[in-house]
Amino acid sequence: MVSVPAPPLTVPKNPSTGLVQELFGIPIAAVTMEDALARVEEAITRRERLQIGVVNAAKIVNMRRDTMLREDVLSSDVIYADGMAVVWASRLLGRPLPERVAGIDLMKNILARGAQKGWRVFCLGATDEVLDLAAKRMQADYPGIAIVGRQHGYFSGAEEEAVARTIADTRPDVLFVAMTSPKKENFLARWSGLIAAPVCHGVGGSFDVLAGKVERAPEAWQRLGLEWLYRVKQEPRRLWRRYLVTNTLFCGMVVSHLLRDRRPAR
């Protein structure tokens, strides 16, 4: 079978990024969910590259000690605040973000709009079982969406190029990547040019939620910024130490920046 080359993508010379707030050296888009969704549609319509990055408290902490992760996140065309802790920190530091743009919520909104527009979606990451269940859920909830391919996330570095070429051959409008950090960011940084999907969005554990393998926190917990605690409640042995460390370090970063900003200039 002869593969049809993907339409060429362009990178806008003067992208309309809107207001950006710099937090901990990270340029985070100060936009609403509707703004983010409009930018996705614009990228697909114009065939312009839009690599989406999201950060929460844990990832911001890890970016300070993982240079490659930091570089790969900063290579994104736009970065959104995935966690409420980041939004609260932005307001404490006088660089307010209007709202949280959670990766899973953006994914669902992309699927909803894509169902109306007939967008082509490729799903990358998780296990074959989870992928199968997640794809079935997407097609049931968003019947107009076209799932043009899927690939589990447990491939080696030597297999990366073949995976990227497989994705490119399906000519997706949107690539959802559900792999852990920093593998997700590293993969997109290396291969987004070859894949040539207008929109690449790292969605973390969203496929597990769609597949029913992981229960997402109720909205009340989300509003209180306690999604992390709800996850710990589900997998305490695996997650309690990770969140205790990263949350403590993130609070320390916020306090450090508050004290620095209030220190009188000499």
Protein backbone atom coordinates (compact mmCIF):
# COMPACT_ATOMS: atom_id res chain seq x y z
CA MET A 1 0.00 0.00 0.00
CA VAL A 2 1.37 3.40 -0.95
CA SER A 3 1.20 5.94 1.86
CA VAL A 4 -0.06 9.41 1.07
CA PRO A 5 2.28 12.12 2.36
CA ALA A 6 0.82 14.39 4.98
CA PRO A 7 0.07 17.97 3.89
CA PRO A 8 2.98 20.22 4.81
CA LEU A 9 2.71 22.09 8.05
CA THR A 10 3.70 25.69 8.52
CA VAL A 11 4.96 27.35 11.67
CA PRO A 12 3.40 30.82 11.90
CA LYS A 13 6.00 33.59 11.89
CA ASN A 14 4.03 35.67 14.38
CA PRO A 15 1.78 33.25 16.26
CA SER A 16 -1.08 34.81 18.18
CA THR A 17 -0.22 33.43 21.58
CA GLY A 18 -2.11 35.96 23.67
CA LEU A 19 -0.98 36.95 27.13
CA VAL A 20 1.75 34.82 28.69
CA GLN A 21 2.70 34.81 32.36
CA GLU A 22 6.17 33.64 33.32
CA LEU A 23 6.20 31.39 36.36
CA PHE A 24 9.41 29.73 37.55
CA GLY A 25 10.96 30.49 34.17
CA ILE A 26 8.07 28.86 32.28
CA PRO A 27 5.91 30.92 29.87
CA ILE A 28 2.37 29.80 30.69
CA ALA A 29 -0.51 30.96 28.50
CA ALA A 30 -2.96 33.13 30.44
CA VAL A 31 -6.04 31.95 28.57
CA THR A 32 -9.39 30.29 29.11
CA MET A 33 -10.38 26.83 27.91
CA GLU A 34 -12.37 28.40 25.08
CA ASP A 35 -9.29 30.37 23.99
CA ALA A 36 -7.24 27.16 23.96
CA LEU A 37 -9.86 25.33 21.93
CA ALA A 38 -10.09 28.16 19.41
CA ARG A 39 -6.34 27.98 18.91
CA VAL A 40 -6.54 24.24 18.26
CA GLU A 41 -9.19 24.78 15.59
CA GLU A 42 -7.15 27.56 14.01
CA ALA A 43 -4.05 25.32 13.83
CA ILE A 44 -6.00 22.52 12.14
CA THR A 45 -7.72 24.86 9.70
CA ARG A 46 -4.47 26.57 8.69
CA ARG A 47 -2.34 23.40 8.88
CA GLU A 48 -0.03 25.10 11.36
CA ARG A 49 1.93 23.22 13.97
CA LEU A 50 0.65 23.49 17.53
CA GLN A 51 2.51 21.39 20.07
CA ILE A 52 0.71 21.69 23.39
CA GLY A 53 2.48 21.36 26.72
CA VAL A 54 0.86 21.30 30.15
CA VAL A 55 2.41 21.74 33.58
CA ASN A 56 1.29 20.93 37.08
CA ALA A 57 3.13 21.30 40.37
CA ALA A 58 4.94 17.97 40.05
CA LYS A 59 6.16 18.64 36.53
CA ILE A 60 7.41 22.11 37.44
CA VAL A 61 9.42 20.58 40.28
CA ASN A 62 10.80 17.86 38.02
CA MET A 63 11.73 20.40 35.35
CA ARG A 64 14.16 21.98 37.81
CA ARG A 65 16.13 18.75 38.20
CA ASP A 66 15.67 17.22 34.72
CA THR A 67 17.28 19.43 32.09
CA MET A 68 15.97 17.38 29.16
CA LEU A 69 12.40 17.50 30.46
CA ARG A 70 12.67 21.25 30.90
CA GLU A 71 14.01 21.78 27.40
CA ASP A 72 11.35 19.56 25.86
CA VAL A 73 8.46 21.24 27.70
CA LEU A 74 9.80 24.67 26.71
CA SER A 75 9.96 23.52 23.08
CA SER A 76 6.13 23.40 23.07
CA ASP A 77 4.35 26.06 21.05
CA VAL A 78 2.04 26.79 23.98
CA ILE A 79 2.05 25.72 27.63
CA TYR A 80 -1.08 25.57 29.80
CA ALA A 81 -1.61 25.28 33.56
CA ASP A 82 -2.86 21.74 34.11
CA GLY A 83 -3.12 21.98 37.89
CA MET A 84 -5.00 24.31 40.24
CA ALA A 85 -1.84 24.68 42.35
CA VAL A 86 -0.20 26.43 39.38
CA VAL A 87 -3.16 28.82 39.03
CA TRP A 88 -3.10 29.65 42.75
CA ALA A 89 0.66 30.17 42.66
CA SER A 90 0.28 32.54 39.70
CA ARG A 91 -2.14 34.70 41.69
CA LEU A 92 0.02 34.70 44.84
CA LEU A 93 2.99 35.80 42.75
CA GLY A 94 1.07 38.60 41.03
CA ARG A 95 1.09 36.93 37.60
CA PRO A 96 -2.49 35.67 37.48
CA LEU A 97 -3.79 33.01 35.14
CA PRO A 98 -7.54 33.26 34.44
CA GLU A 99 -8.27 29.57 34.89
CA ARG A 100 -6.93 26.06 34.74
CA VAL A 101 -6.70 24.41 31.31
CA ALA A 102 -6.48 20.76 32.33
CA GLY A 103 -5.07 18.40 29.74
CA ILE A 104 -7.90 15.88 30.03
CA ASP A 105 -10.57 18.60 29.76
CA LEU A 106 -8.88 20.09 26.71
CA MET A 107 -8.75 16.61 25.18
CA LYS A 108 -12.48 16.11 25.73
CA ASN A 109 -13.26 19.53 24.26
CA ILE A 110 -11.10 18.75 21.23
CA LEU A 111 -12.99 15.48 20.77
CA ALA A 112 -16.36 17.26 21.09
CA ARG A 113 -15.47 19.88 18.48
CA GLY A 114 -13.71 17.30 16.33
CA ALA A 115 -16.88 15.23 16.25
CA GLN A 116 -18.62 18.19 14.60
CA LYS A 117 -15.74 18.86 12.20
CA GLY A 118 -14.74 15.29 11.33
CA TRP A 119 -11.22 15.66 12.72
CA ARG A 120 -8.83 12.73 12.40
CA VAL A 121 -7.31 11.55 15.70
CA PHE A 122 -4.41 9.21 16.48
CA CYS A 123 -4.03 7.85 20.02
CA LEU A 124 -0.55 7.01 21.30
CA GLY A 125 0.28 5.58 24.71
CA ALA A 126 -0.96 3.29 27.49
CA THR A 127 -1.45 -0.44 26.93
CA ASP A 128 -3.32 -2.11 24.08
CA GLU A 129 -6.15 -3.01 26.46
CA VAL A 130 -6.51 0.56 27.71
CA LEU A 131 -6.25 1.96 24.18
CA ASP A 132 -9.00 -0.32 22.93
CA LEU A 133 -11.35 0.68 25.75
CA ALA A 134 -10.49 4.38 25.46
CA ALA A 135 -11.05 4.40 21.68
CA LYS A 136 -14.42 2.70 22.10
CA ARG A 137 -15.40 5.29 24.70
CA MET A 138 -14.32 8.16 22.39
CA GLN A 139 -16.33 6.79 19.49
CA ALA A 140 -19.38 6.22 21.71
CA ASP A 141 -19.27 9.69 23.29
CA TYR A 142 -18.09 11.58 20.19
CA PRO A 143 -19.51 9.62 17.21
CA GLY A 144 -18.34 12.09 14.57
CA ILE A 145 -14.66 11.73 15.47
CA ALA A 146 -12.39 9.65 13.22
CA ILE A 147 -9.95 7.48 15.20
CA VAL A 148 -7.44 6.80 12.42
CA GLY A 149 -4.97 4.77 14.45
CA ARG A 150 -3.60 3.83 17.84
CA GLN A 151 -0.30 2.58 19.22
CA HIS A 152 0.61 1.45 22.72
CA GLY A 153 3.28 3.42 24.55
CA TYR A 154 5.62 0.56 25.46
CA PHE A 155 8.07 0.75 22.59
CA SER A 156 11.84 1.08 22.70
CA GLY A 157 13.97 3.99 21.57
CA ALA A 158 15.00 1.96 18.54
CA GLU A 159 11.33 1.66 17.53
CA GLU A 160 10.51 5.36 17.85
CA GLU A 161 11.08 6.32 14.21
CA ALA A 162 8.91 3.46 12.95
CA VAL A 163 6.13 4.51 15.33
CA ALA A 164 6.43 8.12 14.18
CA ARG A 165 6.22 7.06 10.52
CA THR A 166 3.16 4.91 11.22
CA ILE A 167 1.44 7.92 12.79
CA ALA A 168 2.44 10.19 9.88
CA ASP A 169 0.95 7.73 7.35
CA THR A 170 -2.50 8.12 8.93
CA ARG A 171 -2.42 11.91 8.39
CA PRO A 172 -4.03 12.85 11.73
CA ASP A 173 -5.29 16.32 12.57
CA VAL A 174 -4.69 15.63 16.27
CA LEU A 175 -2.21 13.36 18.02
CA PHE A 176 -2.98 12.53 21.65
CA VAL A 177 0.07 11.24 23.53
CA ALA A 178 -0.64 9.42 26.80
CA MET A 179 2.84 8.56 27.99
CA THR A 180 4.59 9.50 31.21
CA SER A 181 6.95 12.46 31.49
CA PRO A 182 9.63 12.87 30.29
CA LYS A 183 9.14 10.14 27.64
CA LYS A 184 6.12 11.97 26.23
CA GLU A 185 7.92 15.32 25.92
CA ASN A 186 11.06 13.68 24.54
CA PHE A 187 9.11 11.79 21.87
CA LEU A 188 7.24 14.90 20.70
CA ALA A 189 10.39 17.00 20.67
CA ARG A 190 12.17 14.45 18.46
CA TRP A 191 9.41 13.38 16.09
CA SER A 192 6.65 16.01 15.80
CA GLY A 193 8.24 17.32 12.60
CA LEU A 194 8.11 13.92 10.92
CA ILE A 195 4.61 13.15 12.22
CA ALA A 196 3.29 16.44 10.81
CA ALA A 197 0.05 16.45 12.81
CA PRO A 198 -1.16 20.04 13.23
CA VAL A 199 -2.00 19.47 16.90
CA CYS A 200 0.09 17.32 19.28
CA HIS A 201 -1.29 17.16 22.81
CA GLY A 202 0.25 15.24 25.70
CA VAL A 203 -2.66 13.91 27.78
CA GLY A 204 -0.92 11.98 30.57
CA GLY A 205 -3.17 9.35 32.13
CA SER A 206 -6.33 10.48 30.34
CA PHE A 207 -6.73 7.21 28.42
CA ASP A 208 -6.82 5.31 31.72
CA VAL A 209 -9.66 7.58 32.85
CA LEU A 210 -11.61 7.09 29.61
CA ALA A 211 -11.04 3.35 29.81
CA GLY A 212 -12.43 3.26 33.35
CA LYS A 213 -9.15 2.01 34.82
CA VAL A 214 -8.66 5.16 36.91
CA GLU A 215 -11.41 7.20 38.50
CA ARG A 216 -11.07 10.94 38.11
CA ALA A 217 -11.61 13.12 41.17
CA PRO A 218 -15.09 14.63 41.57
CA GLU A 219 -15.44 18.27 40.51
CA ALA A 220 -15.48 19.47 44.13
CA TRP A 221 -12.05 17.90 44.68
CA GLN A 222 -10.82 19.42 41.42
CA ARG A 223 -11.94 22.92 42.43
CA LEU A 224 -10.10 22.54 45.73
CA GLY A 225 -6.93 21.47 43.92
CA LEU A 226 -7.06 18.02 45.53
CA GLU A 227 -7.00 15.76 42.47
CA TRP A 228 -3.57 14.58 43.58
CA LEU A 229 -5.00 13.46 46.95
CA TYR A 230 -7.81 11.58 45.19
CA ARG A 231 -5.18 9.74 43.12
CA VAL A 232 -3.21 8.93 46.27
CA LYS A 233 -6.41 7.55 47.81
CA GLN A 234 -6.70 5.13 44.88
CA GLU A 235 -3.02 4.05 44.82
CA PRO A 236 -1.57 5.06 48.22
CA ARG A 237 1.41 2.71 48.25
CA ARG A 238 2.65 3.84 44.84
CA LEU A 239 1.88 7.56 44.95
CA TRP A 240 1.99 8.96 48.48
CA ARG A 241 5.74 9.52 48.61
CA ARG A 242 5.86 11.06 45.11
CA TYR A 243 3.17 13.64 45.85
CA LEU A 244 4.46 14.39 49.35
CA VAL A 245 7.89 15.24 47.93
CA THR A 246 6.79 17.21 44.86
CA ASN A 247 4.04 19.15 46.65
CA THR A 248 6.41 20.12 49.46
CA LEU A 249 9.08 21.24 47.00
CA PHE A 250 6.55 23.21 44.96
CA CYS A 251 5.32 25.06 48.05
CA GLY A 252 8.94 25.85 48.86
CA MET A 253 9.44 27.26 45.36
CA VAL A 254 6.40 29.52 45.74
CA VAL A 255 7.52 30.80 49.15
CA SER A 256 11.04 31.39 47.84
CA HIS A 257 9.72 33.47 44.93
CA LEU A 258 7.40 35.43 47.25
CA LEU A 259 10.29 36.33 49.54
CA ARG A 260 12.52 37.24 46.61
CA ASP A 261 9.87 39.46 45.02
CA ARG A 262 9.26 41.30 48.31
CA ARG A 263 12.94 41.82 49.07
CA PRO A 264 13.72 45.55 48.78
CA ALA A 265 16.05 46.48 45.93
CA ARG A 266 19.47 47.80 46.96
